[in-house]
Amino acid sequence: MADIKDLIKLVQEFRDARDWKQFHNPKDSAISLTLEAAEVLEHFQWKNKEEMEAYVKSHKIEIGEELADVLYWVFLMGNDLDIDLSQAFLEKLKKNNEKYPVDKAKGNHKKYTEL
């Protein structure tokens, strides 16, 4: 598996080889991230549980491509905003562990303020 820094470098090289940085301000990058996330959601729209399960089995590649597009924008934004995504992720996971302790949150879908 590739290291996150290697993936970020590949994304940056892809973008820079096409001279697209000029179009990638934080607002437009965030919009692109949201649009790609919506394309993931589109795969599941109007499907019941059984339809979704069958669809996922037969469309893993397409769903994976959309998830990769989301990662592209996450990696690019993290790079452009000088955010260490590995560190940010670990810190956020630590906060989530504190907000959702296992003894209160296990098997429970409530928000941390309701536990």
C-alpha atoms as a PDB file:
ATOM      1  CA  MET A   1       0.000   0.000   0.000  1.00  0.00           C
ATOM      2  CA  ALA A   2       1.283   3.440  -0.890  1.00  0.00           C
ATOM      3  CA  ASP A   3       2.172   5.919   1.819  1.00  0.00           C
ATOM      4  CA  ILE A   4      -0.164   8.914   2.100  1.00  0.00           C
ATOM      5  CA  LYS A   5       2.715  11.302   1.354  1.00  0.00           C
ATOM      6  CA  ASP A   6       3.467   9.394  -1.850  1.00  0.00           C
ATOM      7  CA  LEU A   7      -0.184   9.620  -2.907  1.00  0.00           C
ATOM      8  CA  ILE A   8      -0.277  13.352  -2.189  1.00  0.00           C
ATOM      9  CA  LYS A   9       2.865  13.804  -4.274  1.00  0.00           C
ATOM     10  CA  LEU A  10       1.265  11.906  -7.182  1.00  0.00           C
ATOM     11  CA  VAL A  11      -1.844  14.095  -6.993  1.00  0.00           C
ATOM     12  CA  GLN A  12       0.234  17.259  -6.902  1.00  0.00           C
ATOM     13  CA  GLU A  13       2.358  16.109  -9.857  1.00  0.00           C
ATOM     14  CA  PHE A  14      -0.753  15.207 -11.856  1.00  0.00           C
ATOM     15  CA  ARG A  15      -2.267  18.637 -11.225  1.00  0.00           C
ATOM     16  CA  ASP A  16       0.941  20.589 -11.773  1.00  0.00           C
ATOM     17  CA  ALA A  17       1.790  18.812 -15.047  1.00  0.00           C
ATOM     18  CA  ARG A  18      -1.487  20.199 -16.408  1.00  0.00           C
ATOM     19  CA  ASP A  19      -0.979  23.703 -14.970  1.00  0.00           C
ATOM     20  CA  TRP A  20      -4.267  23.470 -13.061  1.00  0.00           C
ATOM     21  CA  LYS A  21      -3.061  24.970  -9.780  1.00  0.00           C
ATOM     22  CA  GLN A  22      -4.224  28.360 -11.022  1.00  0.00           C
ATOM     23  CA  PHE A  23      -7.810  27.077 -10.769  1.00  0.00           C
ATOM     24  CA  HIS A  24      -7.488  25.426  -7.369  1.00  0.00           C
ATOM     25  CA  ASN A  25      -8.290  28.002  -4.751  1.00  0.00           C
ATOM     26  CA  PRO A  26      -9.732  26.642  -1.472  1.00  0.00           C
ATOM     27  CA  LYS A  27     -13.343  27.495  -2.376  1.00  0.00           C
ATOM     28  CA  ASP A  28     -13.311  25.789  -5.757  1.00  0.00           C
ATOM     29  CA  SER A  29     -11.399  22.812  -4.404  1.00  0.00           C
ATOM     30  CA  ALA A  30     -13.971  22.424  -1.612  1.00  0.00           C
ATOM     31  CA  ILE A  31     -16.751  22.617  -4.196  1.00  0.00           C
ATOM     32  CA  SER A  32     -15.045  19.915  -6.258  1.00  0.00           C
ATOM     33  CA  LEU A  33     -14.667  17.736  -3.164  1.00  0.00           C
ATOM     34  CA  THR A  34     -18.378  18.111  -2.414  1.00  0.00           C
ATOM     35  CA  LEU A  35     -19.356  17.351  -6.002  1.00  0.00           C
ATOM     36  CA  GLU A  36     -17.259  14.184  -6.024  1.00  0.00           C
ATOM     37  CA  ALA A  37     -18.771  13.096  -2.698  1.00  0.00           C
ATOM     38  CA  ALA A  38     -22.216  13.624  -4.234  1.00  0.00           C
ATOM     39  CA  GLU A  39     -21.211  11.319  -7.082  1.00  0.00           C
ATOM     40  CA  VAL A  40     -20.507   8.608  -4.490  1.00  0.00           C
ATOM     41  CA  LEU A  41     -23.949   9.177  -3.022  1.00  0.00           C
ATOM     42  CA  GLU A  42     -25.538   8.996  -6.453  1.00  0.00           C
ATOM     43  CA  HIS A  43     -24.675   5.286  -6.625  1.00  0.00           C
ATOM     44  CA  PHE A  44     -27.024   4.606  -3.708  1.00  0.00           C
ATOM     45  CA  GLN A  45     -29.885   6.972  -4.457  1.00  0.00           C
ATOM     46  CA  TRP A  46     -33.334   5.383  -4.707  1.00  0.00           C
ATOM     47  CA  LYS A  47     -32.124   1.901  -3.787  1.00  0.00           C
ATOM     48  CA  ASN A  48     -33.436  -0.159  -0.894  1.00  0.00           C
ATOM     49  CA  LYS A  49     -31.111  -2.306   1.220  1.00  0.00           C
ATOM     50  CA  GLU A  50     -31.264  -5.353  -1.052  1.00  0.00           C
ATOM     51  CA  GLU A  51     -30.775  -3.278  -4.208  1.00  0.00           C
ATOM     52  CA  MET A  52     -27.786  -1.516  -2.655  1.00  0.00           C
ATOM     53  CA  GLU A  53     -26.154  -4.789  -1.651  1.00  0.00           C
ATOM     54  CA  ALA A  54     -26.519  -6.187  -5.178  1.00  0.00           C
ATOM     55  CA  TYR A  55     -25.403  -2.909  -6.746  1.00  0.00           C
ATOM     56  CA  VAL A  56     -22.257  -2.690  -4.631  1.00  0.00           C
ATOM     57  CA  LYS A  57     -21.248  -6.220  -5.655  1.00  0.00           C
ATOM     58  CA  SER A  58     -21.603  -5.393  -9.338  1.00  0.00           C
ATOM     59  CA  HIS A  59     -20.264  -1.807  -9.262  1.00  0.00           C
ATOM     60  CA  LYS A  60     -17.267  -1.910  -6.901  1.00  0.00           C
ATOM     61  CA  ILE A  61     -14.930  -0.496  -9.539  1.00  0.00           C
ATOM     62  CA  GLU A  62     -17.167   2.488 -10.291  1.00  0.00           C
ATOM     63  CA  ILE A  63     -17.767   3.222  -6.604  1.00  0.00           C
ATOM     64  CA  GLY A  64     -14.041   2.888  -5.959  1.00  0.00           C
ATOM     65  CA  GLU A  65     -13.308   5.392  -8.709  1.00  0.00           C
ATOM     66  CA  GLU A  66     -15.671   7.913  -7.133  1.00  0.00           C
ATOM     67  CA  LEU A  67     -14.110   7.378  -3.709  1.00  0.00           C
ATOM     68  CA  ALA A  68     -10.698   7.888  -5.321  1.00  0.00           C
ATOM     69  CA  ASP A  69     -11.939  11.191  -6.762  1.00  0.00           C
ATOM     70  CA  VAL A  70     -12.936  12.264  -3.237  1.00  0.00           C
ATOM     71  CA  LEU A  71      -9.481  11.312  -1.959  1.00  0.00           C
ATOM     72  CA  TYR A  72      -7.886  13.276  -4.803  1.00  0.00           C
ATOM     73  CA  TRP A  73      -9.503  16.467  -3.574  1.00  0.00           C
ATOM     74  CA  VAL A  74      -8.847  15.726   0.099  1.00  0.00           C
ATOM     75  CA  PHE A  75      -5.178  15.120  -0.667  1.00  0.00           C
ATOM     76  CA  LEU A  76      -4.893  18.183  -2.889  1.00  0.00           C
ATOM     77  CA  MET A  77      -6.610  20.485  -0.391  1.00  0.00           C
ATOM     78  CA  GLY A  78      -4.485  19.172   2.456  1.00  0.00           C
ATOM     79  CA  ASN A  79      -1.369  19.790   0.391  1.00  0.00           C
ATOM     80  CA  ASP A  80      -2.410  23.248  -0.785  1.00  0.00           C
ATOM     81  CA  LEU A  81      -3.474  24.345   2.712  1.00  0.00           C
ATOM     82  CA  ASP A  82      -0.302  22.900   4.267  1.00  0.00           C
ATOM     83  CA  ILE A  83      -2.238  20.499   6.482  1.00  0.00           C
ATOM     84  CA  ASP A  84      -0.572  17.269   7.565  1.00  0.00           C
ATOM     85  CA  LEU A  85      -3.492  14.947   6.829  1.00  0.00           C
ATOM     86  CA  SER A  86      -1.983  12.002   8.696  1.00  0.00           C
ATOM     87  CA  GLN A  87      -1.613  14.081  11.841  1.00  0.00           C
ATOM     88  CA  ALA A  88      -5.006  15.748  11.407  1.00  0.00           C
ATOM     89  CA  PHE A  89      -6.639  12.338  11.004  1.00  0.00           C
ATOM     90  CA  LEU A  90      -4.959  10.896  14.091  1.00  0.00           C
ATOM     91  CA  GLU A  91      -5.888  13.940  16.188  1.00  0.00           C
ATOM     92  CA  LYS A  92      -9.498  13.809  14.991  1.00  0.00           C
ATOM     93  CA  LEU A  93      -9.722  10.085  15.733  1.00  0.00           C
ATOM     94  CA  LYS A  94      -8.422  10.779  19.253  1.00  0.00           C
ATOM     95  CA  LYS A  95     -11.119  13.442  19.751  1.00  0.00           C
ATOM     96  CA  ASN A  96     -13.777  11.065  18.428  1.00  0.00           C
ATOM     97  CA  ASN A  97     -12.587   8.387  20.853  1.00  0.00           C
ATOM     98  CA  GLU A  98     -13.087  10.866  23.690  1.00  0.00           C
ATOM     99  CA  LYS A  99     -16.518  11.985  22.435  1.00  0.00           C
ATOM    100  CA  TYR A 100     -17.704   8.447  21.765  1.00  0.00           C
ATOM    101  CA  PRO A 101     -16.357   6.185  24.522  1.00  0.00           C
ATOM    102  CA  VAL A 102     -16.990   2.521  23.763  1.00  0.00           C
ATOM    103  CA  ASP A 103     -18.988   1.930  26.934  1.00  0.00           C
ATOM    104  CA  LYS A 104     -21.514   4.610  25.932  1.00  0.00           C
ATOM    105  CA  ALA A 105     -21.422   4.529  22.139  1.00  0.00           C
ATOM    106  CA  LYS A 106     -21.176   0.825  21.286  1.00  0.00           C
ATOM    107  CA  GLY A 107     -24.197  -0.146  19.211  1.00  0.00           C
ATOM    108  CA  ASN A 108     -25.689   3.327  19.649  1.00  0.00           C
ATOM    109  CA  HIS A 109     -26.199   5.784  16.775  1.00  0.00           C
ATOM    110  CA  LYS A 110     -26.819   8.850  18.945  1.00  0.00           C
ATOM    111  CA  LYS A 111     -24.676  11.935  18.669  1.00  0.00           C
ATOM    112  CA  TYR A 112     -22.080  12.352  21.416  1.00  0.00           C
ATOM    113  CA  THR A 113     -24.116  15.155  22.996  1.00  0.00           C
ATOM    114  CA  GLU A 114     -26.968  12.682  23.561  1.00  0.00           C
ATOM    115  CA  LEU A 115     -24.969   9.776  25.037  1.00  0.00           C
END
